[in-house]
Amino acid sequence: MPFIQVNILKGRSPEKKERLIREMTDLVSEVLDAPVQSIRVMINELDPEHWGIAGESVKKRNEVSK
């Protein structure tokens, strides 16, 4: 049973997340020749202050770039 975890920043629409789940499921099914019923997708949404790039949070990086 393929299990896919995706970490993304909060803020995407429910429609975007549904599309992500569908397209990842379809791709994994095709590549691994696995039935779609066996594929699980988990989306972990993170607050920008909980995601760091190059030593600082995305929240801080976004504040600086404004």
PDB file of N, CA and C in Angstrom:
ATOM      1  N   MET A   1       0.849  -1.173   0.000  1.00  0.00           N
ATOM      2  CA  MET A   1       0.000   0.000   0.000  1.00  0.00           C
ATOM      3  C   MET A   1       0.899   1.242   0.000  1.00  0.00           C
ATOM      4  N   PRO A   2       0.980   1.981  -1.101  1.00  0.00           N
ATOM      5  CA  PRO A   2       1.758   3.219  -1.117  1.00  0.00           C
ATOM      6  C   PRO A   2       1.137   4.273  -0.193  1.00  0.00           C
ATOM      7  N   PHE A   3       1.997   4.911   0.579  1.00  0.00           N
ATOM      8  CA  PHE A   3       1.579   5.988   1.485  1.00  0.00           C
ATOM      9  C   PHE A   3       2.436   7.208   1.177  1.00  0.00           C
ATOM     10  N   ILE A   4       1.800   8.287   0.757  1.00  0.00           N
ATOM     11  CA  ILE A   4       2.497   9.500   0.336  1.00  0.00           C
ATOM     12  C   ILE A   4       2.217  10.600   1.344  1.00  0.00           C
ATOM     13  N   GLN A   5       3.280  11.264   1.804  1.00  0.00           N
ATOM     14  CA  GLN A   5       3.134  12.421   2.684  1.00  0.00           C
ATOM     15  C   GLN A   5       3.668  13.646   1.961  1.00  0.00           C
ATOM     16  N   VAL A   6       2.895  14.725   2.020  1.00  0.00           N
ATOM     17  CA  VAL A   6       3.270  15.970   1.374  1.00  0.00           C
ATOM     18  C   VAL A   6       3.228  17.071   2.430  1.00  0.00           C
ATOM     19  N   ASN A   7       4.317  17.804   2.543  1.00  0.00           N
ATOM     20  CA  ASN A   7       4.359  18.951   3.447  1.00  0.00           C
ATOM     21  C   ASN A   7       4.249  20.220   2.624  1.00  0.00           C
ATOM     22  N   ILE A   8       3.246  21.044   2.943  1.00  0.00           N
ATOM     23  CA  ILE A   8       3.053  22.311   2.247  1.00  0.00           C
ATOM     24  C   ILE A   8       2.731  23.399   3.268  1.00  0.00           C
ATOM     25  N   LEU A   9       2.940  24.621   2.870  1.00  0.00           N
ATOM     26  CA  LEU A   9       2.543  25.746   3.714  1.00  0.00           C
ATOM     27  C   LEU A   9       1.034  25.915   3.645  1.00  0.00           C
ATOM     28  N   LYS A  10       0.443  26.355   4.743  1.00  0.00           N
ATOM     29  CA  LYS A  10      -0.995  26.623   4.770  1.00  0.00           C
ATOM     30  C   LYS A  10      -1.326  27.707   3.761  1.00  0.00           C
ATOM     31  N   GLY A  11      -2.561  27.654   3.273  1.00  0.00           N
ATOM     32  CA  GLY A  11      -3.024  28.720   2.408  1.00  0.00           C
ATOM     33  C   GLY A  11      -3.582  28.267   1.069  1.00  0.00           C
ATOM     34  N   ARG A  12      -3.441  26.999   0.732  1.00  0.00           N
ATOM     35  CA  ARG A  12      -4.001  26.525  -0.531  1.00  0.00           C
ATOM     36  C   ARG A  12      -5.486  26.241  -0.371  1.00  0.00           C
ATOM     37  N   SER A  13      -6.209  26.393  -1.447  1.00  0.00           N
ATOM     38  CA  SER A  13      -7.656  26.161  -1.417  1.00  0.00           C
ATOM     39  C   SER A  13      -7.955  24.669  -1.313  1.00  0.00           C
ATOM     40  N   PRO A  14      -9.144  24.339  -0.803  1.00  0.00           N
ATOM     41  CA  PRO A  14      -9.544  22.932  -0.767  1.00  0.00           C
ATOM     42  C   PRO A  14      -9.526  22.298  -2.155  1.00  0.00           C
ATOM     43  N   GLU A  15      -9.869  23.061  -3.173  1.00  0.00           N
ATOM     44  CA  GLU A  15      -9.864  22.539  -4.541  1.00  0.00           C
ATOM     45  C   GLU A  15      -8.448  22.166  -4.983  1.00  0.00           C
ATOM     46  N   LYS A  16      -7.465  22.980  -4.643  1.00  0.00           N
ATOM     47  CA  LYS A  16      -6.069  22.677  -4.990  1.00  0.00           C
ATOM     48  C   LYS A  16      -5.607  21.407  -4.290  1.00  0.00           C
ATOM     49  N   LYS A  17      -5.975  21.264  -3.028  1.00  0.00           N
ATOM     50  CA  LYS A  17      -5.569  20.068  -2.283  1.00  0.00           C
ATOM     51  C   LYS A  17      -6.241  18.816  -2.824  1.00  0.00           C
ATOM     52  N   GLU A  18      -7.501  18.918  -3.210  1.00  0.00           N
ATOM     53  CA  GLU A  18      -8.191  17.782  -3.826  1.00  0.00           C
ATOM     54  C   GLU A  18      -7.509  17.388  -5.131  1.00  0.00           C
ATOM     55  N   ARG A  19      -7.116  18.391  -5.918  1.00  0.00           N
ATOM     56  CA  ARG A  19      -6.416  18.106  -7.178  1.00  0.00           C
ATOM     57  C   ARG A  19      -5.072  17.432  -6.913  1.00  0.00           C
ATOM     58  N   LEU A  20      -4.349  17.920  -5.914  1.00  0.00           N
ATOM     59  CA  LEU A  20      -3.062  17.327  -5.559  1.00  0.00           C
ATOM     60  C   LEU A  20      -3.236  15.855  -5.187  1.00  0.00           C
ATOM     61  N   ILE A  21      -4.216  15.574  -4.350  1.00  0.00           N
ATOM     62  CA  ILE A  21      -4.480  14.197  -3.937  1.00  0.00           C
ATOM     63  C   ILE A  21      -4.805  13.324  -5.144  1.00  0.00           C
ATOM     64  N   ARG A  22      -5.670  13.800  -6.010  1.00  0.00           N
ATOM     65  CA  ARG A  22      -6.078  13.019  -7.189  1.00  0.00           C
ATOM     66  C   ARG A  22      -4.895  12.765  -8.113  1.00  0.00           C
ATOM     67  N   GLU A  23      -4.144  13.823  -8.428  1.00  0.00           N
ATOM     68  CA  GLU A  23      -3.058  13.664  -9.397  1.00  0.00           C
ATOM     69  C   GLU A  23      -1.900  12.841  -8.840  1.00  0.00           C
ATOM     70  N   MET A  24      -1.603  12.980  -7.558  1.00  0.00           N
ATOM     71  CA  MET A  24      -0.560  12.143  -6.960  1.00  0.00           C
ATOM     72  C   MET A  24      -0.993  10.684  -6.949  1.00  0.00           C
ATOM     73  N   THR A  25      -2.253  10.446  -6.627  1.00  0.00           N
ATOM     74  CA  THR A  25      -2.779   9.087  -6.627  1.00  0.00           C
ATOM     75  C   THR A  25      -2.684   8.471  -8.016  1.00  0.00           C
ATOM     76  N   ASP A  26      -3.110   9.223  -9.022  1.00  0.00           N
ATOM     77  CA  ASP A  26      -3.057   8.710 -10.394  1.00  0.00           C
ATOM     78  C   ASP A  26      -1.628   8.415 -10.833  1.00  0.00           C
ATOM     79  N   LEU A  27      -0.700   9.315 -10.508  1.00  0.00           N
ATOM     80  CA  LEU A  27       0.693   9.125 -10.914  1.00  0.00           C
ATOM     81  C   LEU A  27       1.315   7.903 -10.237  1.00  0.00           C
ATOM     82  N   VAL A  28       1.108   7.779  -8.943  1.00  0.00           N
ATOM     83  CA  VAL A  28       1.675   6.640  -8.215  1.00  0.00           C
ATOM     84  C   VAL A  28       1.049   5.339  -8.714  1.00  0.00           C
ATOM     85  N   SER A  29      -0.237   5.364  -8.990  1.00  0.00           N
ATOM     86  CA  SER A  29      -0.897   4.179  -9.526  1.00  0.00           C
ATOM     87  C   SER A  29      -0.258   3.763 -10.845  1.00  0.00           C
ATOM     88  N   GLU A  30      -0.005   4.745 -11.699  1.00  0.00           N
ATOM     89  CA  GLU A  30       0.592   4.452 -13.011  1.00  0.00           C
ATOM     90  C   GLU A  30       2.032   3.972 -12.875  1.00  0.00           C
ATOM     91  N   VAL A  31       2.839   4.683 -12.099  1.00  0.00           N
ATOM     92  CA  VAL A  31       4.266   4.358 -11.992  1.00  0.00           C
ATOM     93  C   VAL A  31       4.488   3.025 -11.283  1.00  0.00           C
ATOM     94  N   LEU A  32       3.751   2.780 -10.211  1.00  0.00           N
ATOM     95  CA  LEU A  32       3.957   1.568  -9.421  1.00  0.00           C
ATOM     96  C   LEU A  32       3.016   0.430  -9.794  1.00  0.00           C
ATOM     97  N   ASP A  33       2.134   0.690 -10.755  1.00  0.00           N
ATOM     98  CA  ASP A  33       1.135  -0.300 -11.149  1.00  0.00           C
ATOM     99  C   ASP A  33       0.353  -0.774  -9.924  1.00  0.00           C
ATOM    100  N   ALA A  34      -0.068   0.207  -9.117  1.00  0.00           N
ATOM    101  CA  ALA A  34      -0.812  -0.084  -7.880  1.00  0.00           C
ATOM    102  C   ALA A  34      -2.269   0.349  -8.054  1.00  0.00           C
ATOM    103  N   PRO A  35      -3.196  -0.414  -7.517  1.00  0.00           N
ATOM    104  CA  PRO A  35      -4.598   0.009  -7.606  1.00  0.00           C
ATOM    105  C   PRO A  35      -4.830   1.284  -6.789  1.00  0.00           C
ATOM    106  N   VAL A  36      -5.617   2.207  -7.339  1.00  0.00           N
ATOM    107  CA  VAL A  36      -5.850   3.481  -6.649  1.00  0.00           C
ATOM    108  C   VAL A  36      -6.453   3.269  -5.262  1.00  0.00           C
ATOM    109  N   GLN A  37      -7.209   2.185  -5.081  1.00  0.00           N
ATOM    110  CA  GLN A  37      -7.826   1.927  -3.781  1.00  0.00           C
ATOM    111  C   GLN A  37      -6.794   1.669  -2.689  1.00  0.00           C
ATOM    112  N   SER A  38      -5.573   1.320  -3.085  1.00  0.00           N
ATOM    113  CA  SER A  38      -4.543   1.017  -2.090  1.00  0.00           C
ATOM    114  C   SER A  38      -3.654   2.212  -1.761  1.00  0.00           C
ATOM    115  N   ILE A  39      -3.843   3.326  -2.443  1.00  0.00           N
ATOM    116  CA  ILE A  39      -2.946   4.478  -2.291  1.00  0.00           C
ATOM    117  C   ILE A  39      -3.516   5.460  -1.280  1.00  0.00           C
ATOM    118  N   ARG A  40      -2.656   5.887  -0.371  1.00  0.00           N
ATOM    119  CA  ARG A  40      -3.031   6.852   0.663  1.00  0.00           C
ATOM    120  C   ARG A  40      -2.186   8.111   0.487  1.00  0.00           C
ATOM    121  N   VAL A  41      -2.813   9.277   0.651  1.00  0.00           N
ATOM    122  CA  VAL A  41      -2.105  10.552   0.561  1.00  0.00           C
ATOM    123  C   VAL A  41      -2.417  11.357   1.812  1.00  0.00           C
ATOM    124  N   MET A  42      -1.379  11.855   2.464  1.00  0.00           N
ATOM    125  CA  MET A  42      -1.546  12.715   3.634  1.00  0.00           C
ATOM    126  C   MET A  42      -0.912  14.066   3.341  1.00  0.00           C
ATOM    127  N   ILE A  43      -1.689  15.118   3.521  1.00  0.00           N
ATOM    128  CA  ILE A  43      -1.171  16.473   3.364  1.00  0.00           C
ATOM    129  C   ILE A  43      -0.971  17.060   4.753  1.00  0.00           C
ATOM    130  N   ASN A  44       0.257  17.451   5.031  1.00  0.00           N
ATOM    131  CA  ASN A  44       0.580  18.140   6.279  1.00  0.00           C
ATOM    132  C   ASN A  44       0.721  19.625   5.955  1.00  0.00           C
ATOM    133  N   GLU A  45      -0.152  20.442   6.540  1.00  0.00           N
ATOM    134  CA  GLU A  45      -0.083  21.879   6.307  1.00  0.00           C
ATOM    135  C   GLU A  45       0.650  22.539   7.473  1.00  0.00           C
ATOM    136  N   LEU A  46       1.641  23.309   7.133  1.00  0.00           N
ATOM    137  CA  LEU A  46       2.477  23.944   8.145  1.00  0.00           C
ATOM    138  C   LEU A  46       2.296  25.453   8.137  1.00  0.00           C
ATOM    139  N   ASP A  47       2.323  26.027   9.328  1.00  0.00           N
ATOM    140  CA  ASP A  47       2.327  27.485   9.440  1.00  0.00           C
ATOM    141  C   ASP A  47       3.664  28.007   8.940  1.00  0.00           C
ATOM    142  N   PRO A  48       3.687  29.187   8.308  1.00  0.00           N
ATOM    143  CA  PRO A  48       4.942  29.731   7.801  1.00  0.00           C
ATOM    144  C   PRO A  48       6.032  29.885   8.867  1.00  0.00           C
ATOM    145  N   GLU A  49       5.644  30.072  10.114  1.00  0.00           N
ATOM    146  CA  GLU A  49       6.657  30.192  11.160  1.00  0.00           C
ATOM    147  C   GLU A  49       7.245  28.849  11.581  1.00  0.00           C
ATOM    148  N   HIS A  50       6.663  27.762  11.066  1.00  0.00           N
ATOM    149  CA  HIS A  50       7.162  26.417  11.372  1.00  0.00           C
ATOM    150  C   HIS A  50       7.980  25.817  10.244  1.00  0.00           C
ATOM    151  N   TRP A  51       8.289  26.589   9.231  1.00  0.00           N
ATOM    152  CA  TRP A  51       9.037  26.109   8.068  1.00  0.00           C
ATOM    153  C   TRP A  51      10.229  27.030   7.892  1.00  0.00           C
ATOM    154  N   GLY A  52      11.416  26.475   7.899  1.00  0.00           N
ATOM    155  CA  GLY A  52      12.618  27.291   7.781  1.00  0.00           C
ATOM    156  C   GLY A  52      13.373  27.059   6.490  1.00  0.00           C
ATOM    157  N   ILE A  53      13.942  28.126   5.969  1.00  0.00           N
ATOM    158  CA  ILE A  53      14.787  28.074   4.782  1.00  0.00           C
ATOM    159  C   ILE A  53      16.027  28.911   5.083  1.00  0.00           C
ATOM    160  N   ALA A  54      17.176  28.323   4.932  1.00  0.00           N
ATOM    161  CA  ALA A  54      18.447  29.035   5.101  1.00  0.00           C
ATOM    162  C   ALA A  54      18.532  29.755   6.450  1.00  0.00           C
ATOM    163  N   GLY A  55      18.036  29.088   7.476  1.00  0.00           N
ATOM    164  CA  GLY A  55      18.206  29.617   8.824  1.00  0.00           C
ATOM    165  C   GLY A  55      17.147  30.583   9.320  1.00  0.00           C
ATOM    166  N   GLU A  56      16.093  30.822   8.545  1.00  0.00           N
ATOM    167  CA  GLU A  56      15.016  31.677   9.039  1.00  0.00           C
ATOM    168  C   GLU A  56      13.671  31.159   8.559  1.00  0.00           C
ATOM    169  N   SER A  57      12.632  31.509   9.295  1.00  0.00           N
ATOM    170  CA  SER A  57      11.305  31.010   8.962  1.00  0.00           C
ATOM    171  C   SER A  57      10.784  31.661   7.679  1.00  0.00           C
ATOM    172  N   VAL A  58       9.885  30.951   7.034  1.00  0.00           N
ATOM    173  CA  VAL A  58       9.252  31.508   5.834  1.00  0.00           C
ATOM    174  C   VAL A  58       8.478  32.767   6.204  1.00  0.00           C
ATOM    175  N   LYS A  59       7.875  32.777   7.380  1.00  0.00           N
ATOM    176  CA  LYS A  59       7.142  33.962   7.822  1.00  0.00           C
ATOM    177  C   LYS A  59       8.064  35.177   7.842  1.00  0.00           C
ATOM    178  N   LYS A  60       9.240  35.023   8.436  1.00  0.00           N
ATOM    179  CA  LYS A  60      10.183  36.140   8.506  1.00  0.00           C
ATOM    180  C   LYS A  60      10.672  36.522   7.109  1.00  0.00           C
ATOM    181  N   ARG A  61      10.952  35.533   6.274  1.00  0.00           N
ATOM    182  CA  ARG A  61      11.418  35.810   4.906  1.00  0.00           C
ATOM    183  C   ARG A  61      10.357  36.594   4.127  1.00  0.00           C
ATOM    184  N   ASN A  62       9.080  36.234   4.332  1.00  0.00           N
ATOM    185  CA  ASN A  62       7.985  36.930   3.645  1.00  0.00           C
ATOM    186  C   ASN A  62       7.843  38.365   4.147  1.00  0.00           C
ATOM    187  N   GLU A  63       8.055  38.575   5.442  1.00  0.00           N
ATOM    188  CA  GLU A  63       7.963  39.931   6.001  1.00  0.00           C
ATOM    189  C   GLU A  63       9.057  40.830   5.439  1.00  0.00           C
ATOM    190  N   VAL A  64      10.252  40.274   5.286  1.00  0.00           N
ATOM    191  CA  VAL A  64      11.387  41.035   4.771  1.00  0.00           C
ATOM    192  C   VAL A  64      11.192  41.387   3.308  1.00  0.00           C
ATOM    193  N   SER A  65      10.565  40.498   2.535  1.00  0.00           N
ATOM    194  CA  SER A  65      10.412  40.726   1.101  1.00  0.00           C
ATOM    195  C   SER A  65       9.279  41.688   0.751  1.00  0.00           C
ATOM    196  N   LYS A  66       8.487  42.079   1.730  1.00  0.00           N
ATOM    197  CA  LYS A  66       7.359  43.013   1.463  1.00  0.00           C
ATOM    198  C   LYS A  66       7.816  44.436   1.395  1.00  0.00           C
TER     199      LYS A  66
END
